[in-house]
Amino acid sequence: MGEMSELGRLILLGAPLGNPADASARFREVLATADVVAAEDTRRLTRLARDLAVTVPGRIVSYFEGNEERRTPELAEVLTAGYVVALVTDGGMPSVSDPGYRLVRAALDAGVPVTAAPGPSAVTTALALSGLPSDRFCFEGFLPRSPGARRSRLRALAAEERTLVLFEAPHRIAAALADLAATFGHDRPAALCRELTKTYEEVVRRPLGELAEWAAEGEPRGEITLVVAGAPPAAAARPDDDTLRAAVAERESAGLSRRDAITEVATEYGLRRREVYGVVHS
């Protein structure tokens, strides 16, 4: 490692999803200057650095799901000793369904500054390409692997009105889509985004039922991000006539005029004033 900095620092690197040309200038700079580079896959990082014509002088260590818990304290010690550690995953931003959260938390708990060289994200890339509403969305990461747990999670999400973004493995995508269609409805719009930014990038935009059939015919390969439209807003149940009359009478007893009481009740229940007026005077 190079000369120790006055303060250690953790830098999260947004790695290209597939196309090395998406790497930012700052991504290259950090790789070329960090004391330690913690990589989800050291071989992939070495290949990426070669494609970018970047020499990585710092020590490269592996940091993936299998050793994350054990390696986090080691890297935290390096950070508190004053060195700069860069964290990079196979693609996208660390901590987003990838290793990183533990190290970020450890660095913050130790008072070490954490920053990022932001870059590509499969979540926002797929969302933008899906053609589905993107003003409000939620990210659920990977669904549970077991069928029972997956269906339970989907039932809990069925009424979610925001656009939903999911990751899924190729060998589970057909089953996951079948469960999505059964739980959310076969007509719910969706988009399956595969191999984003790579040579064989593909975005299949179909209702869930059709997507499930398409995936069952031939297992899609590669990295998959699934975007599903949110549930339509639930229509509020209209109160019965007796409830409307009682609501108007209650307001009249409180001192409102009948006209104002009808207006207030109509507003509360999302009804037209003339509808409430007709009920009260029937």
Protein backbone atom coordinates (compact mmCIF):
# COMPACT_ATOMS: atom_id res chain seq x y z
CA MET A 1 0.00 0.00 0.00
CA GLY A 2 1.07 3.56 -0.64
CA GLU A 3 1.70 6.29 1.88
CA MET A 4 -1.00 6.59 4.51
CA SER A 5 -3.48 9.45 4.19
CA GLU A 6 -4.27 11.73 7.10
CA LEU A 7 -7.77 10.27 7.18
CA GLY A 8 -8.97 6.96 5.85
CA ARG A 9 -11.81 6.99 3.38
CA LEU A 10 -14.19 4.46 1.86
CA ILE A 11 -15.16 5.10 -1.77
CA LEU A 12 -18.02 3.15 -3.36
CA LEU A 13 -17.48 2.70 -7.10
CA GLY A 14 -20.37 2.42 -9.54
CA ALA A 15 -19.07 -0.23 -11.95
CA PRO A 16 -20.23 -0.70 -15.56
CA LEU A 17 -23.08 -3.18 -15.94
CA GLY A 18 -21.44 -4.71 -18.97
CA ASN A 19 -19.99 -2.08 -21.28
CA PRO A 20 -16.59 -0.89 -19.98
CA ALA A 21 -17.08 2.43 -21.81
CA ASP A 22 -19.67 3.36 -19.17
CA ALA A 23 -16.94 3.71 -16.53
CA SER A 24 -16.53 7.32 -15.47
CA ALA A 25 -13.28 9.25 -15.39
CA ARG A 26 -13.52 9.30 -11.61
CA PHE A 27 -13.97 5.53 -11.54
CA ARG A 28 -10.68 5.22 -13.38
CA GLU A 29 -9.00 7.76 -11.11
CA VAL A 30 -10.03 6.00 -7.91
CA LEU A 31 -8.90 2.60 -9.22
CA ALA A 32 -5.51 4.11 -10.03
CA THR A 33 -5.02 5.79 -6.64
CA ALA A 34 -6.75 3.75 -3.91
CA ASP A 35 -4.57 1.98 -1.37
CA VAL A 36 -6.87 -1.06 -1.33
CA VAL A 37 -9.49 -2.17 -3.85
CA ALA A 38 -12.07 -4.58 -2.43
CA ALA A 39 -13.69 -6.37 -5.36
CA GLU A 40 -16.62 -8.77 -5.55
CA ASP A 41 -14.70 -10.71 -8.20
CA THR A 42 -10.97 -9.94 -8.41
CA ARG A 43 -10.62 -11.59 -11.82
CA ARG A 44 -13.44 -9.51 -13.26
CA LEU A 45 -11.92 -6.37 -11.78
CA THR A 46 -8.53 -7.20 -13.30
CA ARG A 47 -10.17 -7.72 -16.68
CA LEU A 48 -12.10 -4.44 -16.39
CA ALA A 49 -8.95 -2.52 -15.43
CA ARG A 50 -7.19 -3.98 -18.46
CA ASP A 51 -10.08 -2.95 -20.73
CA LEU A 52 -9.89 0.56 -19.28
CA ALA A 53 -6.09 0.69 -19.60
CA VAL A 54 -5.87 1.45 -15.88
CA THR A 55 -3.05 0.18 -13.67
CA VAL A 56 -4.23 -0.68 -10.14
CA PRO A 57 -1.23 -0.13 -7.84
CA GLY A 58 -3.16 -0.76 -4.62
CA ARG A 59 -3.69 -4.12 -2.99
CA ILE A 60 -6.66 -6.00 -4.50
CA VAL A 61 -8.69 -8.16 -2.11
CA SER A 62 -11.85 -10.16 -2.62
CA TYR A 63 -15.03 -8.97 -0.94
CA PHE A 64 -18.11 -11.02 -1.77
CA GLU A 65 -21.12 -12.57 -0.08
CA GLY A 66 -19.16 -15.58 1.16
CA ASN A 67 -16.44 -13.62 2.97
CA GLU A 68 -18.13 -10.26 3.58
CA GLU A 69 -18.78 -10.84 7.26
CA ARG A 70 -15.23 -11.99 7.94
CA ARG A 71 -13.44 -9.42 5.78
CA THR A 72 -15.38 -6.35 6.96
CA PRO A 73 -13.45 -5.98 10.27
CA GLU A 74 -10.16 -6.35 8.39
CA LEU A 75 -11.05 -3.57 5.96
CA ALA A 76 -12.39 -1.42 8.80
CA GLU A 77 -8.96 -1.64 10.43
CA VAL A 78 -7.33 -0.52 7.18
CA LEU A 79 -9.72 2.44 7.01
CA THR A 80 -9.15 3.50 10.61
CA ALA A 81 -5.41 3.28 10.00
CA GLY A 82 -5.82 6.09 7.48
CA TYR A 83 -5.85 4.33 4.12
CA VAL A 84 -8.25 4.78 1.18
CA VAL A 85 -10.34 1.71 0.34
CA ALA A 86 -12.33 1.48 -2.91
CA LEU A 87 -15.23 -0.97 -3.03
CA VAL A 88 -16.38 -2.31 -6.40
CA THR A 89 -18.91 -4.99 -7.32
CA ASP A 90 -19.36 -6.93 -10.55
CA GLY A 91 -21.69 -4.21 -11.84
CA GLY A 92 -23.69 -1.27 -10.51
CA MET A 93 -23.48 0.35 -7.10
CA PRO A 94 -22.19 -1.52 -4.04
CA SER A 95 -24.76 -2.18 -1.29
CA VAL A 96 -27.68 -2.41 -3.76
CA SER A 97 -28.36 -6.18 -3.57
CA ASP A 98 -24.57 -6.54 -3.65
CA PRO A 99 -21.84 -6.57 -0.98
CA GLY A 100 -21.17 -3.24 0.69
CA TYR A 101 -23.70 -2.47 3.40
CA ARG A 102 -21.67 -4.08 6.18
CA LEU A 103 -18.53 -2.18 5.24
CA VAL A 104 -20.37 1.14 4.90
CA ARG A 105 -21.90 0.62 8.33
CA ALA A 106 -18.56 -0.35 9.87
CA ALA A 107 -16.84 2.69 8.36
CA LEU A 108 -19.53 5.08 9.60
CA ASP A 109 -19.48 3.53 13.07
CA ALA A 110 -15.71 4.09 13.15
CA GLY A 111 -16.06 7.71 12.08
CA VAL A 112 -14.47 7.10 8.68
CA PRO A 113 -15.77 9.25 5.80
CA VAL A 114 -17.74 7.39 3.12
CA THR A 115 -18.27 8.74 -0.37
CA ALA A 116 -19.00 7.42 -3.85
CA ALA A 117 -17.94 7.69 -7.44
CA PRO A 118 -21.49 7.08 -8.67
CA GLY A 119 -22.11 5.21 -11.85
CA PRO A 120 -24.41 2.73 -13.59
CA SER A 121 -27.31 1.11 -11.77
CA ALA A 122 -29.35 -1.79 -13.12
CA VAL A 123 -32.31 -0.57 -11.06
CA THR A 124 -32.65 2.88 -12.60
CA THR A 125 -31.50 1.74 -16.06
CA ALA A 126 -34.20 -0.92 -16.27
CA LEU A 127 -36.79 1.45 -14.83
CA ALA A 128 -36.00 4.07 -17.48
CA LEU A 129 -36.12 1.51 -20.31
CA SER A 130 -39.28 -0.24 -19.13
CA GLY A 131 -41.75 2.33 -20.40
CA LEU A 132 -43.57 2.10 -17.07
CA PRO A 133 -44.20 5.02 -14.66
CA SER A 134 -40.93 6.02 -13.00
CA ASP A 135 -41.96 9.00 -10.87
CA ARG A 136 -42.48 6.71 -7.87
CA PHE A 137 -41.03 3.22 -7.55
CA CYS A 138 -39.83 0.70 -4.98
CA PHE A 139 -36.94 -1.75 -5.20
CA GLU A 140 -37.40 -5.22 -3.73
CA GLY A 141 -34.10 -6.83 -4.75
CA PHE A 142 -34.24 -10.61 -5.11
CA LEU A 143 -37.45 -12.43 -4.22
CA PRO A 144 -37.18 -15.32 -1.72
CA ARG A 145 -35.90 -18.52 -3.30
CA SER A 146 -38.46 -20.93 -1.90
CA PRO A 147 -41.85 -20.95 -3.69
CA GLY A 148 -43.85 -20.55 -0.48
CA ALA A 149 -41.85 -17.59 0.79
CA ARG A 150 -41.87 -16.00 -2.67
CA ARG A 151 -45.66 -16.20 -2.95
CA SER A 152 -46.06 -14.80 0.53
CA ARG A 153 -43.85 -11.83 -0.34
CA LEU A 154 -45.79 -11.23 -3.56
CA ARG A 155 -49.13 -11.28 -1.74
CA ALA A 156 -47.78 -8.56 0.54
CA LEU A 157 -46.78 -6.51 -2.53
CA ALA A 158 -49.89 -7.06 -4.63
CA ALA A 159 -51.54 -3.77 -3.61
CA GLU A 160 -48.36 -1.67 -3.95
CA GLU A 161 -49.22 1.25 -6.24
CA ARG A 162 -45.62 2.20 -7.06
CA THR A 163 -43.73 0.62 -9.95
CA LEU A 164 -41.82 -2.39 -8.65
CA VAL A 165 -38.22 -3.29 -9.57
CA LEU A 166 -36.88 -6.79 -8.88
CA PHE A 167 -33.76 -8.83 -9.54
CA GLU A 168 -34.10 -12.51 -10.39
CA ALA A 169 -31.82 -15.37 -11.37
CA PRO A 170 -32.32 -16.93 -14.82
CA HIS A 171 -33.14 -20.38 -13.46
CA ARG A 172 -35.91 -18.95 -11.25
CA ILE A 173 -37.39 -16.30 -13.54
CA ALA A 174 -40.05 -18.51 -15.15
CA ALA A 175 -41.41 -19.65 -11.77
CA ALA A 176 -41.23 -16.11 -10.40
CA LEU A 177 -43.15 -14.71 -13.37
CA ALA A 178 -45.80 -17.43 -13.03
CA ASP A 179 -46.27 -16.50 -9.36
CA LEU A 180 -46.34 -12.79 -10.22
CA ALA A 181 -49.03 -13.33 -12.84
CA ALA A 182 -51.11 -15.47 -10.47
CA THR A 183 -50.82 -12.93 -7.64
CA PHE A 184 -50.83 -9.56 -9.46
CA GLY A 185 -53.01 -10.57 -12.41
CA HIS A 186 -52.08 -11.76 -15.88
CA ASP A 187 -52.76 -8.33 -17.41
CA ARG A 188 -50.42 -6.31 -15.16
CA PRO A 189 -47.87 -4.56 -17.45
CA ALA A 190 -44.22 -5.50 -16.96
CA ALA A 191 -40.81 -5.42 -18.61
CA LEU A 192 -38.06 -8.00 -18.40
CA CYS A 193 -34.64 -6.38 -18.93
CA ARG A 194 -31.81 -8.76 -19.72
CA GLU A 195 -28.05 -8.20 -20.15
CA LEU A 196 -28.32 -4.41 -19.87
CA THR A 197 -25.64 -2.48 -21.82
CA LYS A 198 -24.16 -5.75 -23.12
CA THR A 199 -24.04 -7.11 -26.67
CA TYR A 200 -27.24 -9.12 -26.31
CA GLU A 201 -29.25 -6.56 -24.35
CA GLU A 202 -32.96 -7.30 -24.53
CA VAL A 203 -36.05 -5.63 -23.06
CA VAL A 204 -39.28 -7.62 -23.35
CA ARG A 205 -42.35 -5.51 -22.54
CA ARG A 206 -45.48 -7.62 -22.08
CA PRO A 207 -48.24 -8.27 -19.53
CA LEU A 208 -47.15 -10.63 -16.75
CA GLY A 209 -49.15 -13.55 -18.13
CA GLU A 210 -47.50 -13.30 -21.53
CA LEU A 211 -44.07 -12.80 -19.97
CA ALA A 212 -44.55 -15.95 -17.88
CA GLU A 213 -45.40 -17.96 -21.01
CA TRP A 214 -42.45 -16.47 -22.89
CA ALA A 215 -40.00 -17.32 -20.09
CA ALA A 216 -41.40 -20.85 -19.75
CA GLU A 217 -40.73 -21.55 -23.43
CA GLY A 218 -37.02 -20.89 -23.10
CA GLU A 219 -35.08 -19.88 -19.98
CA PRO A 220 -33.75 -16.33 -20.46
CA ARG A 221 -30.03 -16.07 -19.78
CA GLY A 222 -27.86 -13.44 -18.19
CA GLU A 223 -28.46 -10.74 -15.60
CA ILE A 224 -32.19 -10.03 -15.27
CA THR A 225 -33.97 -7.00 -13.88
CA LEU A 226 -37.75 -7.12 -13.82
CA VAL A 227 -39.96 -4.02 -13.74
CA VAL A 228 -43.65 -4.41 -12.89
CA ALA A 229 -46.35 -1.75 -13.00
CA GLY A 230 -47.90 -0.79 -9.70
CA ALA A 231 -51.41 -1.83 -8.69
CA PRO A 232 -54.19 0.49 -9.84
CA PRO A 233 -55.44 2.73 -6.99
CA ALA A 234 -58.07 0.98 -4.95
CA ALA A 235 -61.48 2.52 -5.44
CA ALA A 236 -62.97 3.70 -2.16
CA ALA A 237 -66.17 1.90 -1.27
CA ARG A 238 -69.24 4.14 -1.50
CA PRO A 239 -71.06 4.43 1.84
CA ASP A 240 -74.66 3.28 1.85
CA ASP A 241 -77.46 5.85 1.79
CA ASP A 242 -78.16 5.62 5.52
CA THR A 243 -74.52 6.39 6.30
CA LEU A 244 -74.59 9.44 4.04
CA ARG A 245 -77.80 10.74 5.61
CA ALA A 246 -76.37 10.24 9.11
CA ALA A 247 -73.17 12.06 8.17
CA VAL A 248 -75.11 15.06 6.87
CA ALA A 249 -77.40 15.09 9.92
CA GLU A 250 -74.39 14.99 12.24
CA ARG A 251 -72.90 18.06 10.61
CA GLU A 252 -76.20 19.87 10.68
CA SER A 253 -76.44 19.16 14.42
CA ALA A 254 -72.98 20.70 14.79
CA GLY A 255 -74.26 23.94 13.27
CA LEU A 256 -73.57 23.64 9.55
CA SER A 257 -76.24 24.53 7.04
CA ARG A 258 -77.62 21.61 5.06
CA ARG A 259 -75.90 22.94 1.93
CA ASP A 260 -72.51 23.08 3.64
CA ALA A 261 -73.07 19.72 5.35
CA ILE A 262 -73.82 18.06 2.00
CA THR A 263 -70.76 19.69 0.41
CA GLU A 264 -68.50 18.50 3.22
CA VAL A 265 -69.82 14.94 3.13
CA ALA A 266 -69.49 14.78 -0.65
CA THR A 267 -65.86 15.95 -0.39
CA GLU A 268 -65.03 13.46 2.35
CA TYR A 269 -66.30 10.46 0.38
CA GLY A 270 -65.22 11.61 -3.08
CA LEU A 271 -68.79 11.88 -4.34
CA ARG A 272 -70.58 14.48 -6.40
CA ARG A 273 -72.57 16.96 -4.36
CA ARG A 274 -75.72 16.28 -6.36
CA GLU A 275 -75.46 12.56 -5.47
CA VAL A 276 -75.39 13.29 -1.72
CA TYR A 277 -78.13 15.90 -2.18
CA GLY A 278 -80.34 13.32 -3.90
CA VAL A 279 -79.84 10.80 -1.11
CA VAL A 280 -80.64 13.31 1.64
CA HIS A 281 -83.81 14.52 -0.12
CA SER A 282 -85.09 11.14 -1.27
